[in-house]
Amino acid sequence: EIILGARIIAVADVVEAMASHRPYRANLGIDAALEEITANSRKIYDPEAVDACLNLFRVKGYRLLEA
């Protein structure tokens, strides 16, 4: 079993990676990142970690800082 902290970091990492600019591609945006974790909840990502992340962005208004 994968520990809870690692499951949370997996969700946070994919959201940050997709929503941020990379030298090899433009950012895909937070909406695309949230769609990715929603579509793959239970398949790839822990559903509780996904729900917590979605709550932060959609309910609590969390925003990623731009570098």
PDB file of N, CA and C in Angstrom:
ATOM      1  N   GLU A   1       0.843  -1.190   0.000  1.00  0.00           N
ATOM      2  CA  GLU A   1       0.000   0.000   0.000  1.00  0.00           C
ATOM      3  C   GLU A   1       0.883   1.245   0.000  1.00  0.00           C
ATOM      4  N   ILE A   2       0.488   2.213  -0.767  1.00  0.00           N
ATOM      5  CA  ILE A   2       1.225   3.480  -0.868  1.00  0.00           C
ATOM      6  C   ILE A   2       0.760   4.389   0.263  1.00  0.00           C
ATOM      7  N   ILE A   3       1.704   4.972   0.982  1.00  0.00           N
ATOM      8  CA  ILE A   3       1.351   5.809   2.130  1.00  0.00           C
ATOM      9  C   ILE A   3       0.604   7.068   1.688  1.00  0.00           C
ATOM     10  N   LEU A   4      -0.217   7.591   2.600  1.00  0.00           N
ATOM     11  CA  LEU A   4      -1.072   8.734   2.310  1.00  0.00           C
ATOM     12  C   LEU A   4      -0.288   9.935   1.791  1.00  0.00           C
ATOM     13  N   GLY A   5       0.822  10.263   2.412  1.00  0.00           N
ATOM     14  CA  GLY A   5       1.613  11.416   1.981  1.00  0.00           C
ATOM     15  C   GLY A   5       2.050  11.308   0.532  1.00  0.00           C
ATOM     16  N   ALA A   6       2.433  10.126   0.115  1.00  0.00           N
ATOM     17  CA  ALA A   6       2.860   9.914  -1.273  1.00  0.00           C
ATOM     18  C   ALA A   6       1.686  10.053  -2.236  1.00  0.00           C
ATOM     19  N   ARG A   7       0.511   9.612  -1.824  1.00  0.00           N
ATOM     20  CA  ARG A   7      -0.680   9.742  -2.678  1.00  0.00           C
ATOM     21  C   ARG A   7      -1.081  11.203  -2.840  1.00  0.00           C
ATOM     22  N   ILE A   8      -0.947  11.974  -1.774  1.00  0.00           N
ATOM     23  CA  ILE A   8      -1.245  13.410  -1.836  1.00  0.00           C
ATOM     24  C   ILE A   8      -0.250  14.118  -2.739  1.00  0.00           C
ATOM     25  N   ILE A   9       1.029  13.805  -2.578  1.00  0.00           N
ATOM     26  CA  ILE A   9       2.075  14.428  -3.395  1.00  0.00           C
ATOM     27  C   ILE A   9       1.890  14.081  -4.871  1.00  0.00           C
ATOM     28  N   ALA A  10       1.453  12.876  -5.177  1.00  0.00           N
ATOM     29  CA  ALA A  10       1.229  12.492  -6.578  1.00  0.00           C
ATOM     30  C   ALA A  10       0.196  13.401  -7.234  1.00  0.00           C
ATOM     31  N   VAL A  11      -0.887  13.690  -6.529  1.00  0.00           N
ATOM     32  CA  VAL A  11      -1.932  14.572  -7.064  1.00  0.00           C
ATOM     33  C   VAL A  11      -1.402  15.996  -7.181  1.00  0.00           C
ATOM     34  N   ALA A  12      -0.763  16.483  -6.130  1.00  0.00           N
ATOM     35  CA  ALA A  12      -0.229  17.853  -6.149  1.00  0.00           C
ATOM     36  C   ALA A  12       0.804  18.021  -7.257  1.00  0.00           C
ATOM     37  N   ASP A  13       1.640  17.019  -7.455  1.00  0.00           N
ATOM     38  CA  ASP A  13       2.692  17.100  -8.467  1.00  0.00           C
ATOM     39  C   ASP A  13       2.116  17.187  -9.876  1.00  0.00           C
ATOM     40  N   VAL A  14       1.126  16.373 -10.186  1.00  0.00           N
ATOM     41  CA  VAL A  14       0.562  16.413 -11.539  1.00  0.00           C
ATOM     42  C   VAL A  14      -0.173  17.726 -11.788  1.00  0.00           C
ATOM     43  N   VAL A  15      -0.857  18.248 -10.782  1.00  0.00           N
ATOM     44  CA  VAL A  15      -1.552  19.528 -10.951  1.00  0.00           C
ATOM     45  C   VAL A  15      -0.543  20.640 -11.197  1.00  0.00           C
ATOM     46  N   GLU A  16       0.499  20.688 -10.397  1.00  0.00           N
ATOM     47  CA  GLU A  16       1.521  21.729 -10.564  1.00  0.00           C
ATOM     48  C   GLU A  16       2.227  21.582 -11.902  1.00  0.00           C
ATOM     49  N   ALA A  17       2.571  20.364 -12.288  1.00  0.00           N
ATOM     50  CA  ALA A  17       3.291  20.139 -13.542  1.00  0.00           C
ATOM     51  C   ALA A  17       2.457  20.542 -14.755  1.00  0.00           C
ATOM     52  N   MET A  18       1.191  20.194 -14.750  1.00  0.00           N
ATOM     53  CA  MET A  18       0.343  20.523 -15.900  1.00  0.00           C
ATOM     54  C   MET A  18      -0.002  22.004 -15.963  1.00  0.00           C
ATOM     55  N   ALA A  19      -0.141  22.636 -14.814  1.00  0.00           N
ATOM     56  CA  ALA A  19      -0.564  24.039 -14.774  1.00  0.00           C
ATOM     57  C   ALA A  19       0.595  25.016 -14.942  1.00  0.00           C
ATOM     58  N   SER A  20       1.817  24.523 -14.892  1.00  0.00           N
ATOM     59  CA  SER A  20       2.995  25.387 -14.973  1.00  0.00           C
ATOM     60  C   SER A  20       3.670  25.304 -16.338  1.00  0.00           C
ATOM     61  N   HIS A  21       4.341  26.374 -16.705  1.00  0.00           N
ATOM     62  CA  HIS A  21       5.115  26.417 -17.949  1.00  0.00           C
ATOM     63  C   HIS A  21       6.326  25.498 -17.832  1.00  0.00           C
ATOM     64  N   ARG A  22       6.637  24.829 -18.886  1.00  0.00           N
ATOM     65  CA  ARG A  22       7.841  24.008 -18.982  1.00  0.00           C
ATOM     66  C   ARG A  22       8.620  24.491 -20.201  1.00  0.00           C
ATOM     67  N   PRO A  23       9.940  24.322 -20.222  1.00  0.00           N
ATOM     68  CA  PRO A  23      10.727  24.789 -21.368  1.00  0.00           C
ATOM     69  C   PRO A  23      10.290  24.146 -22.688  1.00  0.00           C
ATOM     70  N   TYR A  24       9.733  22.955 -22.620  1.00  0.00           N
ATOM     71  CA  TYR A  24       9.354  22.222 -23.825  1.00  0.00           C
ATOM     72  C   TYR A  24       7.877  22.374 -24.199  1.00  0.00           C
ATOM     73  N   ARG A  25       7.080  23.100 -23.366  1.00  0.00           N
ATOM     74  CA  ARG A  25       5.674  23.329 -23.695  1.00  0.00           C
ATOM     75  C   ARG A  25       5.094  24.446 -22.833  1.00  0.00           C
ATOM     76  N   ALA A  26       4.059  25.072 -23.352  1.00  0.00           N
ATOM     77  CA  ALA A  26       3.348  26.094 -22.567  1.00  0.00           C
ATOM     78  C   ALA A  26       2.528  25.403 -21.481  1.00  0.00           C
ATOM     79  N   ASN A  27       2.116  26.182 -20.485  1.00  0.00           N
ATOM     80  CA  ASN A  27       1.295  25.555 -19.445  1.00  0.00           C
ATOM     81  C   ASN A  27      -0.035  25.105 -20.044  1.00  0.00           C
ATOM     82  N   LEU A  28      -0.573  24.057 -19.482  1.00  0.00           N
ATOM     83  CA  LEU A  28      -1.843  23.513 -19.962  1.00  0.00           C
ATOM     84  C   LEU A  28      -3.022  24.109 -19.204  1.00  0.00           C
ATOM     85  N   GLY A  29      -2.738  24.772 -18.109  1.00  0.00           N
ATOM     86  CA  GLY A  29      -3.773  25.434 -17.326  1.00  0.00           C
ATOM     87  C   GLY A  29      -4.322  24.579 -16.203  1.00  0.00           C
ATOM     88  N   ILE A  30      -4.842  25.260 -15.212  1.00  0.00           N
ATOM     89  CA  ILE A  30      -5.372  24.568 -14.040  1.00  0.00           C
ATOM     90  C   ILE A  30      -6.607  23.747 -14.392  1.00  0.00           C
ATOM     91  N   ASP A  31      -7.425  24.228 -15.316  1.00  0.00           N
ATOM     92  CA  ASP A  31      -8.624  23.469 -15.689  1.00  0.00           C
ATOM     93  C   ASP A  31      -8.262  22.107 -16.279  1.00  0.00           C
ATOM     94  N   ALA A  32      -7.263  22.065 -17.136  1.00  0.00           N
ATOM     95  CA  ALA A  32      -6.816  20.794 -17.717  1.00  0.00           C
ATOM     96  C   ALA A  32      -6.256  19.872 -16.643  1.00  0.00           C
ATOM     97  N   ALA A  33      -5.532  20.442 -15.699  1.00  0.00           N
ATOM     98  CA  ALA A  33      -4.966  19.642 -14.614  1.00  0.00           C
ATOM     99  C   ALA A  33      -6.066  19.039 -13.744  1.00  0.00           C
ATOM    100  N   LEU A  34      -7.065  19.843 -13.423  1.00  0.00           N
ATOM    101  CA  LEU A  34      -8.163  19.342 -12.596  1.00  0.00           C
ATOM    102  C   LEU A  34      -9.000  18.311 -13.355  1.00  0.00           C
ATOM    103  N   GLU A  35      -9.144  18.485 -14.660  1.00  0.00           N
ATOM    104  CA  GLU A  35      -9.838  17.484 -15.477  1.00  0.00           C
ATOM    105  C   GLU A  35      -9.073  16.161 -15.476  1.00  0.00           C
ATOM    106  N   GLU A  36      -7.741  16.240 -15.561  1.00  0.00           N
ATOM    107  CA  GLU A  36      -6.890  15.039 -15.545  1.00  0.00           C
ATOM    108  C   GLU A  36      -7.077  14.247 -14.259  1.00  0.00           C
ATOM    109  N   ILE A  37      -6.981  14.924 -13.115  1.00  0.00           N
ATOM    110  CA  ILE A  37      -7.092  14.175 -11.856  1.00  0.00           C
ATOM    111  C   ILE A  37      -8.517  13.664 -11.633  1.00  0.00           C
ATOM    112  N   THR A  38      -9.516  14.416 -12.117  1.00  0.00           N
ATOM    113  CA  THR A  38     -10.905  13.964 -11.985  1.00  0.00           C
ATOM    114  C   THR A  38     -11.142  12.720 -12.839  1.00  0.00           C
ATOM    115  N   ALA A  39     -10.689  12.759 -14.078  1.00  0.00           N
ATOM    116  CA  ALA A  39     -10.887  11.634 -14.998  1.00  0.00           C
ATOM    117  C   ALA A  39     -10.172  10.371 -14.531  1.00  0.00           C
ATOM    118  N   ASN A  40      -9.072  10.537 -13.813  1.00  0.00           N
ATOM    119  CA  ASN A  40      -8.271   9.383 -13.407  1.00  0.00           C
ATOM    120  C   ASN A  40      -8.310   9.100 -11.915  1.00  0.00           C
ATOM    121  N   SER A  41      -9.271   9.714 -11.228  1.00  0.00           N
ATOM    122  CA  SER A  41      -9.484   9.404  -9.820  1.00  0.00           C
ATOM    123  C   SER A  41      -9.889   7.935  -9.720  1.00  0.00           C
ATOM    124  N   ARG A  42      -9.321   7.236  -8.781  1.00  0.00           N
ATOM    125  CA  ARG A  42      -9.506   5.793  -8.555  1.00  0.00           C
ATOM    126  C   ARG A  42      -8.700   4.927  -9.522  1.00  0.00           C
ATOM    127  N   LYS A  43      -8.386   5.432 -10.710  1.00  0.00           N
ATOM    128  CA  LYS A  43      -7.586   4.655 -11.660  1.00  0.00           C
ATOM    129  C   LYS A  43      -6.101   4.862 -11.392  1.00  0.00           C
ATOM    130  N   ILE A  44      -5.701   6.141 -11.309  1.00  0.00           N
ATOM    131  CA  ILE A  44      -4.296   6.495 -11.106  1.00  0.00           C
ATOM    132  C   ILE A  44      -4.106   7.204  -9.768  1.00  0.00           C
ATOM    133  N   TYR A  45      -5.034   8.098  -9.442  1.00  0.00           N
ATOM    134  CA  TYR A  45      -4.884   8.966  -8.270  1.00  0.00           C
ATOM    135  C   TYR A  45      -5.844   8.567  -7.160  1.00  0.00           C
ATOM    136  N   ASP A  46      -5.398   8.766  -5.929  1.00  0.00           N
ATOM    137  CA  ASP A  46      -6.212   8.476  -4.759  1.00  0.00           C
ATOM    138  C   ASP A  46      -7.453   9.377  -4.760  1.00  0.00           C
ATOM    139  N   PRO A  47      -8.648   8.809  -4.665  1.00  0.00           N
ATOM    140  CA  PRO A  47      -9.860   9.623  -4.747  1.00  0.00           C
ATOM    141  C   PRO A  47     -10.005  10.645  -3.620  1.00  0.00           C
ATOM    142  N   GLU A  48      -9.532  10.329  -2.433  1.00  0.00           N
ATOM    143  CA  GLU A  48      -9.610  11.295  -1.333  1.00  0.00           C
ATOM    144  C   GLU A  48      -8.659  12.463  -1.565  1.00  0.00           C
ATOM    145  N   ALA A  49      -7.480  12.193  -2.099  1.00  0.00           N
ATOM    146  CA  ALA A  49      -6.531  13.264  -2.415  1.00  0.00           C
ATOM    147  C   ALA A  49      -7.078  14.127  -3.550  1.00  0.00           C
ATOM    148  N   VAL A  50      -7.714  13.502  -4.528  1.00  0.00           N
ATOM    149  CA  VAL A  50      -8.328  14.245  -5.634  1.00  0.00           C
ATOM    150  C   VAL A  50      -9.442  15.139  -5.105  1.00  0.00           C
ATOM    151  N   ASP A  51     -10.313  14.589  -4.272  1.00  0.00           N
ATOM    152  CA  ASP A  51     -11.414  15.383  -3.714  1.00  0.00           C
ATOM    153  C   ASP A  51     -10.895  16.569  -2.912  1.00  0.00           C
ATOM    154  N   ALA A  52      -9.848  16.358  -2.129  1.00  0.00           N
ATOM    155  CA  ALA A  52      -9.269  17.451  -1.342  1.00  0.00           C
ATOM    156  C   ALA A  52      -8.694  18.532  -2.253  1.00  0.00           C
ATOM    157  N   CYS A  53      -8.020  18.128  -3.311  1.00  0.00           N
ATOM    158  CA  CYS A  53      -7.439  19.083  -4.258  1.00  0.00           C
ATOM    159  C   CYS A  53      -8.533  19.869  -4.973  1.00  0.00           C
ATOM    160  N   LEU A  54      -9.556  19.190  -5.439  1.00  0.00           N
ATOM    161  CA  LEU A  54     -10.668  19.862  -6.114  1.00  0.00           C
ATOM    162  C   LEU A  54     -11.353  20.849  -5.178  1.00  0.00           C
ATOM    163  N   ASN A  55     -11.508  20.476  -3.927  1.00  0.00           N
ATOM    164  CA  ASN A  55     -12.110  21.363  -2.934  1.00  0.00           C
ATOM    165  C   ASN A  55     -11.273  22.630  -2.756  1.00  0.00           C
ATOM    166  N   LEU A  56      -9.959  22.474  -2.713  1.00  0.00           N
ATOM    167  CA  LEU A  56      -9.088  23.647  -2.564  1.00  0.00           C
ATOM    168  C   LEU A  56      -9.271  24.630  -3.709  1.00  0.00           C
ATOM    169  N   PHE A  57      -9.291  24.142  -4.928  1.00  0.00           N
ATOM    170  CA  PHE A  57      -9.372  25.020  -6.094  1.00  0.00           C
ATOM    171  C   PHE A  57     -10.791  25.497  -6.388  1.00  0.00           C
ATOM    172  N   ARG A  58     -11.763  24.610  -6.312  1.00  0.00           N
ATOM    173  CA  ARG A  58     -13.121  24.953  -6.748  1.00  0.00           C
ATOM    174  C   ARG A  58     -13.987  25.571  -5.656  1.00  0.00           C
ATOM    175  N   VAL A  59     -13.750  25.194  -4.403  1.00  0.00           N
ATOM    176  CA  VAL A  59     -14.583  25.705  -3.312  1.00  0.00           C
ATOM    177  C   VAL A  59     -13.875  26.816  -2.548  1.00  0.00           C
ATOM    178  N   LYS A  60     -12.627  26.575  -2.209  1.00  0.00           N
ATOM    179  CA  LYS A  60     -11.895  27.527  -1.381  1.00  0.00           C
ATOM    180  C   LYS A  60     -11.167  28.602  -2.177  1.00  0.00           C
ATOM    181  N   GLY A  61     -11.150  28.487  -3.509  1.00  0.00           N
ATOM    182  CA  GLY A  61     -10.556  29.522  -4.348  1.00  0.00           C
ATOM    183  C   GLY A  61      -9.039  29.555  -4.367  1.00  0.00           C
ATOM    184  N   TYR A  62      -8.398  28.423  -4.064  1.00  0.00           N
ATOM    185  CA  TYR A  62      -6.937  28.349  -4.072  1.00  0.00           C
ATOM    186  C   TYR A  62      -6.407  28.626  -5.479  1.00  0.00           C
ATOM    187  N   ARG A  63      -5.272  29.304  -5.567  1.00  0.00           N
ATOM    188  CA  ARG A  63      -4.615  29.605  -6.847  1.00  0.00           C
ATOM    189  C   ARG A  63      -3.131  29.255  -6.733  1.00  0.00           C
ATOM    190  N   LEU A  64      -2.557  28.766  -7.824  1.00  0.00           N
ATOM    191  CA  LEU A  64      -1.115  28.532  -7.866  1.00  0.00           C
ATOM    192  C   LEU A  64      -0.408  29.863  -8.082  1.00  0.00           C
ATOM    193  N   LEU A  65       0.706  30.034  -7.420  1.00  0.00           N
ATOM    194  CA  LEU A  65       1.517  31.232  -7.636  1.00  0.00           C
ATOM    195  C   LEU A  65       2.256  31.100  -8.954  1.00  0.00           C
ATOM    196  N   GLU A  66       2.365  32.190  -9.680  1.00  0.00           N
ATOM    197  CA  GLU A  66       3.124  32.180 -10.927  1.00  0.00           C
ATOM    198  C   GLU A  66       4.542  32.632 -10.647  1.00  0.00           C
ATOM    199  N   ALA A  67       5.496  31.919 -11.230  1.00  0.00           N
ATOM    200  CA  ALA A  67       6.910  32.257 -11.007  1.00  0.00           C
ATOM    201  C   ALA A  67       7.354  33.339 -11.946  1.00  0.00           C
TER     202      ALA A  67
END
